[in-house]
N, C-alpha and C. Protein backbone atom coordinates (compact mmCIF):
# COMPACT_ATOMS: atom_id res chain seq x y z
N MET A 1 9.66 13.44 -32.51
CA MET A 1 8.58 14.53 -31.77
C MET A 1 8.43 15.76 -32.78
N ARG A 2 8.23 15.39 -34.08
CA ARG A 2 7.88 16.52 -34.89
C ARG A 2 6.53 16.64 -35.02
N GLY A 3 5.99 18.10 -34.97
CA GLY A 3 4.53 18.44 -35.12
C GLY A 3 3.96 18.41 -33.75
N ARG A 4 2.72 18.28 -34.22
CA ARG A 4 1.79 18.55 -32.98
C ARG A 4 1.58 17.00 -32.38
N LYS A 5 1.42 15.99 -33.21
CA LYS A 5 1.10 14.56 -32.76
C LYS A 5 -0.18 14.60 -31.87
N GLN A 6 -1.19 15.14 -32.29
CA GLN A 6 -2.59 15.20 -31.74
C GLN A 6 -3.37 14.27 -32.45
N ASN A 7 -4.53 13.90 -31.77
CA ASN A 7 -5.64 13.15 -32.60
C ASN A 7 -6.52 14.05 -32.92
N ALA A 8 -7.82 13.22 -33.17
CA ALA A 8 -8.88 14.11 -33.72
C ALA A 8 -9.52 14.97 -32.79
N THR A 9 -9.37 14.74 -31.43
CA THR A 9 -10.04 15.59 -30.53
C THR A 9 -9.34 16.72 -30.38
N GLY A 10 -8.14 17.05 -30.86
CA GLY A 10 -7.14 18.20 -30.69
C GLY A 10 -6.13 17.90 -29.41
N ARG A 11 -6.20 16.68 -28.97
CA ARG A 11 -5.35 16.16 -27.92
C ARG A 11 -4.11 15.44 -28.42
N ARG A 12 -2.96 15.45 -27.73
CA ARG A 12 -1.92 14.68 -28.20
C ARG A 12 -2.23 13.22 -27.84
N SER A 13 -1.40 12.46 -28.83
CA SER A 13 -1.55 11.03 -28.67
C SER A 13 -0.83 10.40 -27.47
N ALA A 14 -1.72 9.15 -27.14
CA ALA A 14 -1.07 8.71 -26.02
C ALA A 14 0.43 8.17 -26.17
N ASP A 15 0.79 7.89 -27.51
CA ASP A 15 2.21 7.51 -27.51
C ASP A 15 3.14 8.60 -27.54
N PHE A 16 2.78 9.82 -28.11
CA PHE A 16 3.52 11.13 -27.82
C PHE A 16 3.64 11.61 -26.27
N MET A 17 2.60 11.23 -25.62
CA MET A 17 2.66 11.61 -24.32
C MET A 17 3.33 10.61 -23.34
N ARG A 18 3.38 9.19 -23.77
CA ARG A 18 4.14 8.24 -23.03
C ARG A 18 5.62 8.53 -23.26
N ARG A 19 5.84 8.93 -24.72
CA ARG A 19 7.40 9.28 -24.88
C ARG A 19 7.85 10.38 -24.30
N ALA A 20 7.13 11.45 -24.21
CA ALA A 20 7.62 12.68 -23.67
C ALA A 20 7.75 12.49 -22.03
N MET A 21 6.97 11.53 -21.35
CA MET A 21 6.99 11.42 -20.09
C MET A 21 8.37 10.60 -19.60
N ASP A 22 8.52 9.56 -20.61
CA ASP A 22 9.58 8.54 -20.33
C ASP A 22 10.85 9.55 -20.44
N LEU A 23 10.99 10.00 -21.68
CA LEU A 23 12.15 11.20 -21.69
C LEU A 23 12.44 12.18 -20.74
N HIS A 24 11.39 12.84 -20.42
CA HIS A 24 11.64 14.09 -19.57
C HIS A 24 10.79 14.17 -18.32
N GLY A 25 10.05 13.07 -18.03
CA GLY A 25 9.33 12.93 -16.69
C GLY A 25 10.31 13.28 -15.51
N GLY A 26 11.48 12.69 -15.34
CA GLY A 26 12.40 12.70 -14.33
C GLY A 26 12.87 14.08 -14.20
N THR A 27 13.23 14.76 -15.38
CA THR A 27 13.72 16.17 -15.53
C THR A 27 12.76 17.08 -14.85
N VAL A 28 11.51 16.99 -15.18
CA VAL A 28 10.54 17.81 -14.94
C VAL A 28 10.42 17.51 -13.25
N TYR A 29 10.30 16.45 -12.93
CA TYR A 29 9.96 16.29 -11.53
C TYR A 29 11.33 16.93 -10.64
N LEU A 30 12.51 16.63 -10.99
CA LEU A 30 13.63 17.19 -10.38
C LEU A 30 13.62 18.79 -10.38
N VAL A 31 13.46 19.25 -11.49
CA VAL A 31 13.28 20.65 -11.67
C VAL A 31 12.30 21.32 -10.56
N ALA A 32 10.85 20.64 -10.57
CA ALA A 32 10.00 20.98 -9.80
C ALA A 32 10.22 20.75 -8.51
N LEU A 33 11.01 19.72 -7.95
CA LEU A 33 11.33 19.59 -6.79
C LEU A 33 12.17 20.60 -6.14
N SER A 34 13.21 21.06 -6.98
CA SER A 34 14.21 21.81 -6.61
C SER A 34 13.56 23.33 -6.34
N GLN A 35 12.53 23.60 -7.19
CA GLN A 35 11.85 24.80 -7.10
C GLN A 35 10.77 24.88 -6.05
N THR A 36 10.06 23.82 -5.59
CA THR A 36 9.10 23.94 -4.60
C THR A 36 9.56 23.24 -3.20
N ARG A 37 10.72 22.47 -3.39
CA ARG A 37 11.30 22.01 -2.05
C ARG A 37 10.16 20.99 -1.46
N SER A 38 9.22 20.38 -2.10
CA SER A 38 8.05 19.52 -1.60
C SER A 38 7.82 18.53 -2.47
N HIS A 39 8.04 17.14 -2.06
CA HIS A 39 7.70 16.21 -2.79
C HIS A 39 6.15 16.27 -3.45
N ALA A 40 5.41 16.47 -2.51
CA ALA A 40 3.95 16.63 -3.01
C ALA A 40 3.69 17.52 -4.01
N ASP A 41 4.36 18.91 -3.89
CA ASP A 41 4.21 19.82 -4.54
C ASP A 41 4.88 19.71 -6.00
N ALA A 42 6.07 19.15 -5.89
CA ALA A 42 6.64 18.82 -7.02
C ALA A 42 5.98 17.55 -7.99
N GLN A 43 5.39 16.61 -7.32
CA GLN A 43 4.38 15.82 -7.95
C GLN A 43 3.32 16.59 -8.56
N ASP A 44 2.45 17.44 -8.07
CA ASP A 44 1.71 18.26 -8.53
C ASP A 44 1.93 19.17 -9.79
N VAL A 45 3.26 19.74 -9.76
CA VAL A 45 3.71 20.40 -10.79
C VAL A 45 3.89 19.71 -11.94
N SER A 46 4.63 18.53 -11.60
CA SER A 46 4.86 17.80 -12.87
C SER A 46 3.62 17.09 -13.62
N GLN A 47 2.68 16.84 -12.70
CA GLN A 47 1.26 16.29 -13.38
C GLN A 47 0.66 17.56 -14.21
N ASP A 48 1.00 18.77 -13.64
CA ASP A 48 0.03 20.02 -14.17
C ASP A 48 1.01 20.29 -15.53
N VAL A 49 2.35 20.01 -15.79
CA VAL A 49 3.05 20.24 -16.83
C VAL A 49 2.75 19.33 -17.93
N PHE A 50 2.57 17.93 -17.45
CA PHE A 50 2.16 17.21 -18.51
C PHE A 50 0.96 17.33 -19.08
N LEU A 51 -0.30 17.70 -18.09
CA LEU A 51 -1.54 17.89 -18.59
C LEU A 51 -1.62 19.25 -19.58
N ARG A 52 -0.50 20.26 -19.09
CA ARG A 52 -0.52 21.32 -20.28
C ARG A 52 0.06 21.06 -21.53
N LEU A 53 0.96 19.89 -21.49
CA LEU A 53 1.38 19.44 -22.76
C LEU A 53 0.48 18.86 -23.34
N PHE A 54 -0.39 17.90 -22.73
CA PHE A 54 -1.45 17.03 -23.61
C PHE A 54 -2.53 18.06 -24.08
N THR A 55 -2.76 19.38 -23.49
CA THR A 55 -3.94 20.18 -24.06
C THR A 55 -3.24 21.20 -24.91
N SER A 56 -1.72 21.29 -24.99
CA SER A 56 -1.13 22.45 -25.74
C SER A 56 -1.21 22.05 -27.28
N ASP A 57 -1.45 23.39 -28.07
CA ASP A 57 -1.23 23.08 -29.53
C ASP A 57 0.19 23.55 -29.86
N THR A 58 1.19 23.66 -29.07
CA THR A 58 2.46 24.09 -29.57
C THR A 58 3.01 22.97 -30.25
N GLU A 59 3.75 23.23 -31.75
CA GLU A 59 4.38 22.45 -32.41
C GLU A 59 5.96 22.36 -31.88
N PHE A 60 6.50 21.33 -31.81
CA PHE A 60 7.62 20.98 -31.40
C PHE A 60 8.61 20.60 -32.68
N SER A 61 9.51 21.21 -32.91
CA SER A 61 10.57 20.94 -33.87
C SER A 61 11.43 19.70 -33.63
N ASN A 62 11.74 19.51 -32.37
CA ASN A 62 12.55 18.16 -32.08
C ASN A 62 12.52 17.85 -30.54
N ASP A 63 13.10 17.01 -30.01
CA ASP A 63 13.14 16.62 -28.61
C ASP A 63 13.56 17.72 -27.66
N GLU A 64 14.72 18.37 -28.08
CA GLU A 64 15.07 19.52 -27.56
C GLU A 64 14.29 20.66 -27.31
N HIS A 65 13.74 21.09 -28.29
CA HIS A 65 12.35 22.00 -28.34
C HIS A 65 11.51 21.81 -27.26
N LEU A 66 11.13 20.41 -27.17
CA LEU A 66 10.20 19.92 -26.22
C LEU A 66 10.60 20.05 -25.06
N ARG A 67 11.93 19.44 -24.81
CA ARG A 67 12.19 19.56 -23.62
C ARG A 67 12.59 21.12 -22.83
N ALA A 68 12.91 22.10 -23.51
CA ALA A 68 13.05 23.20 -23.06
C ALA A 68 11.44 23.76 -22.83
N TRP A 69 10.58 23.66 -23.63
CA TRP A 69 9.25 23.95 -23.41
C TRP A 69 8.70 23.36 -21.88
N LEU A 70 9.08 22.17 -21.70
CA LEU A 70 8.56 21.49 -20.56
C LEU A 70 9.29 22.09 -19.42
N LEU A 71 10.41 22.33 -19.49
CA LEU A 71 11.32 23.00 -18.40
C LEU A 71 10.74 24.38 -17.94
N ARG A 72 10.53 25.14 -19.05
CA ARG A 72 9.96 26.73 -18.95
C ARG A 72 8.55 26.48 -18.30
N VAL A 73 7.64 25.59 -18.72
CA VAL A 73 6.44 25.31 -18.06
C VAL A 73 6.52 24.99 -16.59
N THR A 74 7.40 24.17 -16.26
CA THR A 74 7.81 23.79 -15.05
C THR A 74 8.12 24.75 -14.03
N ILE A 75 9.19 25.62 -14.75
CA ILE A 75 9.70 26.75 -13.88
C ILE A 75 8.59 27.79 -13.48
N ASN A 76 7.56 28.12 -14.56
CA ASN A 76 6.31 28.94 -14.50
C ASN A 76 5.23 28.40 -13.55
N ARG A 77 5.18 27.11 -13.62
CA ARG A 77 4.18 26.37 -12.76
C ARG A 77 4.65 26.62 -11.39
N SER A 78 5.82 26.15 -11.03
CA SER A 78 6.36 26.28 -9.81
C SER A 78 6.22 27.60 -8.95
N HIS A 79 6.45 28.56 -9.90
CA HIS A 79 6.24 30.01 -9.44
C HIS A 79 4.71 30.28 -9.14
N GLU A 80 3.98 29.90 -10.17
CA GLU A 80 2.59 30.08 -9.88
C GLU A 80 1.92 29.44 -8.56
N LEU A 81 2.61 28.27 -8.23
CA LEU A 81 2.13 27.55 -7.10
C LEU A 81 2.60 28.23 -5.71
N HIS A 82 3.73 28.73 -5.97
CA HIS A 82 4.50 29.33 -4.68
C HIS A 82 3.56 30.65 -4.59
N ARG A 83 3.09 31.44 -5.49
CA ARG A 83 2.59 32.95 -5.27
C ARG A 83 0.96 32.63 -4.93
N SER A 84 0.50 31.46 -5.25
CA SER A 84 -1.28 31.28 -5.11
C SER A 84 -1.48 31.41 -3.63
N PRO A 85 -2.66 31.97 -3.60
CA PRO A 85 -3.22 32.34 -2.16
C PRO A 85 -3.39 31.21 -1.37
N TRP A 86 -3.78 30.11 -2.25
CA TRP A 86 -4.32 28.66 -1.45
C TRP A 86 -2.98 28.12 -0.80
N ARG A 87 -1.85 28.37 -1.64
CA ARG A 87 -0.54 27.83 -1.01
C ARG A 87 -0.11 28.68 0.20
N ARG A 88 -0.34 29.70 0.08
CA ARG A 88 0.05 30.68 1.52
C ARG A 88 -0.80 30.09 2.64
N CYS A 89 -2.11 29.97 2.34
CA CYS A 89 -3.05 29.39 3.47
C CYS A 89 -2.67 27.92 3.72
N MET A 90 -2.26 27.15 2.95
CA MET A 90 -2.09 25.71 3.17
C MET A 90 -0.71 25.59 3.93
N ALA A 91 0.26 26.34 3.54
CA ALA A 91 1.37 26.44 4.30
C ALA A 91 1.40 26.48 5.45
N LEU A 92 0.45 27.20 6.25
CA LEU A 92 0.50 27.39 7.28
C LEU A 92 -0.09 26.14 8.25
N SER A 93 -1.14 25.59 7.68
CA SER A 93 -1.75 24.47 8.19
C SER A 93 -0.91 22.97 8.05
N ASP A 94 -0.03 23.00 7.11
CA ASP A 94 0.68 21.78 6.82
C ASP A 94 1.92 21.62 7.59
N GLU A 95 2.15 22.40 8.72
CA GLU A 95 3.49 22.38 9.35
C GLU A 95 3.56 21.00 9.98
N GLY A 96 2.79 20.19 10.46
CA GLY A 96 2.85 18.96 11.29
C GLY A 96 2.45 17.86 10.15
N ILE A 97 2.50 18.17 9.23
CA ILE A 97 2.01 16.69 8.14
C ILE A 97 3.12 15.94 7.89
N ASP A 98 4.22 16.25 8.03
CA ASP A 98 5.42 15.45 7.77
C ASP A 98 5.57 14.36 9.01
N LEU A 99 4.78 14.72 9.75
CA LEU A 99 4.90 13.88 11.00
C LEU A 99 3.97 12.52 11.14
N LEU A 100 2.99 12.60 10.09
CA LEU A 100 1.96 11.61 9.89
C LEU A 100 2.96 10.28 9.36
N PRO A 101 2.52 9.18 9.74
CA PRO A 101 3.15 8.28 9.16
C PRO A 101 2.64 7.61 7.64
N SER A 102 3.57 7.39 6.95
CA SER A 102 3.03 6.81 5.68
C SER A 102 2.75 5.61 5.75
N SER A 103 1.88 5.09 4.74
CA SER A 103 1.39 3.59 4.71
C SER A 103 2.12 2.69 4.26
N GLU A 104 2.86 2.92 3.13
CA GLU A 104 4.04 1.93 2.77
C GLU A 104 5.35 2.63 2.11
N PRO A 105 6.34 2.06 2.52
CA PRO A 105 7.52 2.63 1.78
C PRO A 105 7.69 2.46 0.35
N ASP A 106 7.97 3.52 -0.36
CA ASP A 106 7.99 3.79 -1.81
C ASP A 106 9.51 3.65 -2.26
N PRO A 107 9.90 2.74 -2.98
CA PRO A 107 11.53 2.69 -3.47
C PRO A 107 11.75 4.10 -3.82
N ALA A 108 11.15 4.59 -4.85
CA ALA A 108 11.23 6.05 -5.36
C ALA A 108 11.41 6.93 -4.57
N ASP A 109 10.64 7.04 -3.16
CA ASP A 109 10.73 7.76 -2.30
C ASP A 109 12.00 7.63 -1.64
N ALA A 110 12.46 6.48 -1.28
CA ALA A 110 13.78 6.30 -0.63
C ALA A 110 14.83 6.70 -1.66
N ALA A 111 15.01 6.53 -2.83
CA ALA A 111 15.92 7.17 -3.67
C ALA A 111 15.89 8.84 -3.65
N VAL A 112 14.74 9.47 -3.34
CA VAL A 112 14.93 10.88 -3.39
C VAL A 112 15.06 11.35 -2.01
N ASP A 113 14.79 10.47 -1.05
CA ASP A 113 15.20 10.86 0.43
C ASP A 113 16.90 10.76 0.55
N ALA A 114 17.45 9.70 -0.36
CA ALA A 114 18.90 9.42 -0.09
C ALA A 114 19.40 10.69 -0.89
N LEU A 115 18.95 11.21 -1.93
CA LEU A 115 19.48 12.19 -2.66
C LEU A 115 19.39 13.51 -1.78
N GLU A 116 18.22 13.71 -0.99
CA GLU A 116 18.07 14.76 -0.33
C GLU A 116 19.12 14.82 0.85
N GLN A 117 19.70 13.76 1.14
CA GLN A 117 20.62 13.59 2.43
C GLN A 117 21.81 14.04 2.04
N SER A 118 22.12 14.07 0.71
CA SER A 118 23.52 14.21 0.08
C SER A 118 24.19 15.74 0.42
N PRO A 119 25.12 15.97 0.87
CA PRO A 119 25.61 17.45 1.03
C PRO A 119 25.43 18.27 -0.09
N VAL A 120 25.53 17.75 -1.11
CA VAL A 120 25.46 18.65 -2.55
C VAL A 120 23.92 18.90 -2.66
N TRP A 121 23.02 18.09 -2.54
CA TRP A 121 21.85 18.62 -2.57
C TRP A 121 21.28 19.48 -1.48
N ILE A 122 21.90 19.50 -0.34
CA ILE A 122 21.42 20.32 0.92
C ILE A 122 22.09 21.64 0.49
N ALA A 123 23.20 21.77 0.01
CA ALA A 123 23.96 23.02 -0.46
C ALA A 123 23.06 23.65 -1.56
N LEU A 124 22.51 22.66 -2.52
CA LEU A 124 21.78 23.32 -3.72
C LEU A 124 20.40 23.83 -3.34
N LYS A 125 19.88 23.12 -2.32
CA LYS A 125 18.42 23.42 -1.94
C LYS A 125 18.78 24.83 -1.16
N ALA A 126 19.82 25.21 -0.32
CA ALA A 126 20.00 26.28 0.18
C ALA A 126 20.06 27.55 -0.50
N LEU A 127 20.27 27.15 -1.96
CA LEU A 127 20.49 28.71 -2.85
C LEU A 127 19.25 29.24 -3.13
N PRO A 128 19.22 30.49 -3.45
CA PRO A 128 18.02 31.05 -3.86
C PRO A 128 17.49 30.44 -5.28
N GLU A 129 16.34 30.47 -5.33
CA GLU A 129 15.64 29.82 -6.62
C GLU A 129 16.36 30.08 -8.09
N ARG A 130 16.57 31.38 -8.21
CA ARG A 130 17.19 31.86 -9.27
C ARG A 130 18.52 31.07 -9.63
N LEU A 131 19.35 31.05 -8.56
CA LEU A 131 20.60 30.32 -8.83
C LEU A 131 20.49 28.97 -8.77
N ARG A 132 19.47 28.40 -8.07
CA ARG A 132 19.18 26.96 -8.00
C ARG A 132 18.93 26.16 -9.44
N THR A 133 17.94 27.05 -10.09
CA THR A 133 17.09 26.84 -11.32
C THR A 133 18.30 26.67 -12.54
N VAL A 134 19.48 27.60 -12.31
CA VAL A 134 20.58 27.83 -13.48
C VAL A 134 21.38 26.47 -13.21
N VAL A 135 21.70 26.28 -11.83
CA VAL A 135 22.52 25.09 -11.49
C VAL A 135 22.07 23.86 -12.05
N LEU A 136 20.73 23.57 -11.81
CA LEU A 136 20.07 22.24 -12.26
C LEU A 136 20.16 22.22 -13.82
N LEU A 137 19.75 23.44 -14.39
CA LEU A 137 19.67 23.31 -15.95
C LEU A 137 21.13 22.96 -16.37
N HIS A 138 22.27 23.67 -15.94
CA HIS A 138 23.40 23.57 -16.39
C HIS A 138 24.30 22.13 -15.93
N TYR A 139 24.06 22.03 -14.71
CA TYR A 139 25.04 20.86 -14.23
C TYR A 139 24.59 19.47 -14.29
N VAL A 140 23.01 19.33 -14.22
CA VAL A 140 22.25 18.12 -14.12
C VAL A 140 21.49 18.01 -15.77
N GLU A 141 21.04 18.89 -16.07
CA GLU A 141 20.53 18.45 -17.44
C GLU A 141 21.44 19.19 -18.57
N ALA A 142 22.59 19.45 -18.34
CA ALA A 142 23.87 19.86 -19.40
C ALA A 142 23.43 20.81 -20.42
N TYR A 143 22.62 21.76 -20.16
CA TYR A 143 22.23 22.84 -21.02
C TYR A 143 23.28 23.65 -21.10
N PRO A 144 23.50 24.36 -22.15
CA PRO A 144 24.75 25.39 -22.48
C PRO A 144 23.80 26.62 -21.84
N THR A 145 24.59 27.74 -21.47
CA THR A 145 24.37 28.78 -20.89
C THR A 145 23.29 29.61 -21.84
N GLU A 146 23.39 29.72 -23.12
CA GLU A 146 22.51 30.48 -24.02
C GLU A 146 21.07 29.71 -23.83
N THR A 147 21.10 28.38 -23.87
CA THR A 147 19.64 27.79 -23.66
C THR A 147 19.13 27.94 -22.49
N ILE A 148 19.99 27.99 -21.45
CA ILE A 148 19.39 28.35 -20.06
C ILE A 148 18.76 29.92 -20.27
N ALA A 149 19.35 30.67 -20.70
CA ALA A 149 19.04 32.12 -20.88
C ALA A 149 17.78 32.00 -21.59
N ARG A 150 17.18 31.46 -22.68
CA ARG A 150 16.00 31.31 -23.37
C ARG A 150 15.18 30.66 -22.22
N ILE A 151 15.33 29.73 -21.54
CA ILE A 151 14.32 29.05 -20.60
C ILE A 151 14.14 29.87 -19.72
N VAL A 152 15.07 30.52 -18.89
CA VAL A 152 14.73 31.45 -17.91
C VAL A 152 14.33 32.99 -18.08
N GLY A 153 14.72 33.38 -19.31
CA GLY A 153 14.29 34.52 -19.57
C GLY A 153 15.18 35.83 -19.32
N CYS A 154 16.55 35.36 -19.34
CA CYS A 154 17.35 36.59 -18.89
C CYS A 154 18.53 36.57 -20.02
N PRO A 155 19.49 37.38 -19.93
CA PRO A 155 20.57 37.32 -20.92
C PRO A 155 21.62 35.97 -20.51
N ALA A 156 22.48 35.57 -21.38
CA ALA A 156 23.45 34.50 -21.18
C ALA A 156 24.41 35.06 -20.05
N ALA A 157 24.75 36.34 -20.30
CA ALA A 157 25.79 36.70 -19.13
C ALA A 157 25.08 36.63 -17.76
N THR A 158 24.03 36.93 -17.73
CA THR A 158 23.30 36.86 -16.41
C THR A 158 23.41 35.35 -15.88
N VAL A 159 23.26 34.35 -16.74
CA VAL A 159 23.41 33.01 -16.40
C VAL A 159 24.69 32.86 -15.94
N ARG A 160 25.69 33.20 -16.68
CA ARG A 160 27.10 32.93 -16.23
C ARG A 160 27.21 33.45 -14.95
N THR A 161 26.89 34.45 -14.70
CA THR A 161 27.04 35.33 -13.22
C THR A 161 26.40 34.30 -12.14
N ARG A 162 25.05 34.02 -12.41
CA ARG A 162 24.32 33.22 -11.35
C ARG A 162 25.13 31.94 -11.14
N LEU A 163 25.83 31.41 -12.22
CA LEU A 163 26.49 30.02 -12.02
C LEU A 163 27.74 30.28 -11.17
N TYR A 164 28.28 31.42 -11.46
CA TYR A 164 29.55 31.81 -10.61
C TYR A 164 29.33 32.09 -9.18
N ARG A 165 28.14 32.61 -9.07
CA ARG A 165 27.57 33.02 -7.80
C ARG A 165 27.03 31.76 -6.95
N ALA A 166 26.49 30.73 -7.79
CA ALA A 166 25.73 29.64 -7.04
C ALA A 166 27.05 28.68 -6.71
N ARG A 167 28.02 28.64 -7.64
CA ARG A 167 29.02 27.73 -6.96
C ARG A 167 29.74 28.41 -6.01
N ALA A 168 30.16 29.55 -5.77
CA ALA A 168 30.78 30.26 -4.66
C ALA A 168 29.87 29.80 -3.15
N GLN A 169 28.65 30.02 -3.64
CA GLN A 169 27.77 29.76 -2.15
C GLN A 169 27.79 28.31 -1.96
N MET A 170 27.52 27.47 -3.02
CA MET A 170 27.72 25.99 -2.63
C MET A 170 29.02 25.55 -2.07
N ARG A 171 30.17 26.05 -2.45
CA ARG A 171 31.53 25.76 -2.09
C ARG A 171 31.22 26.14 -0.41
N ARG A 172 31.11 27.36 -0.09
CA ARG A 172 31.26 27.87 1.11
C ARG A 172 30.23 27.19 2.04
N ARG A 173 29.03 26.69 1.65
CA ARG A 173 28.04 25.82 2.44
C ARG A 173 28.63 24.47 2.66
N LEU A 174 29.18 23.89 1.51
CA LEU A 174 29.80 22.61 1.76
C LEU A 174 30.96 22.70 2.85
N GLU A 175 31.93 23.77 2.50
CA GLU A 175 32.94 23.76 3.58
C GLU A 175 32.46 24.01 4.87
N SER A 176 31.42 24.72 5.15
CA SER A 176 30.91 24.89 6.34
C SER A 176 30.46 23.66 6.86
N MET A 177 29.76 22.82 6.06
CA MET A 177 29.06 21.39 6.46
C MET A 177 30.31 20.59 6.82
N GLU A 178 31.41 20.59 6.23
CA GLU A 178 32.70 19.64 6.32
C GLU A 178 33.06 20.03 7.74
N THR A 179 33.19 21.46 7.90
CA THR A 179 33.81 21.77 9.08
C THR A 179 32.99 21.54 10.47
N GLU A 180 31.60 21.61 10.36
CA GLU A 180 30.54 21.44 11.15
C GLU A 180 30.69 19.82 11.70
N GLY A 181 30.96 18.99 10.53
CA GLY A 181 31.04 17.55 10.73
C GLY A 181 32.22 17.14 11.51
N ARG A 182 33.20 17.83 11.34
CA ARG A 182 34.60 17.37 12.17
C ARG A 182 34.49 17.80 13.39
N HIS A 183 33.65 18.72 13.85
CA HIS A 183 33.65 19.11 15.38
C HIS A 183 32.54 18.18 16.24
N GLU A 184 31.85 17.39 15.42
CA GLU A 184 30.64 16.79 16.00
C GLU A 184 31.27 15.27 16.71
């Protein structure tokens, strides 16, 4: 992934984009899903991120640099989506949209649905966004705290504090879920 890998039109090559999507598409989607808490929004964010990659003139020194760039853009785009006036307006009108039947079951949707029913994922989704992000980057993507700090734009000590707080909150949430499960 050295250099720009762009063709004569100033756009990145199909091979570059295919490789980037194969290597990092799942990660981008997972981070977007954790940020937006919506399959449709996560898909939109993922598409936007790779469109921005396609048109960006950023030069990447290696795959790790590309991955960090994609995650930073994913987090930024998720924040932009959440803050947009259109989103606030649509959130009010989309309350009943999940009640509509889907046309055909998608195996990928079934896998994501199974993940979302996991107690750990439920506890993760309950975390505030700033804690959720560092947990995903550290435990799912295996980034060290210094790299996470660069991606989210805060000191490494803040990342470690957020990880500590996230673990404590998740532990309490999981214990609470376990206790509730025994009483049912």
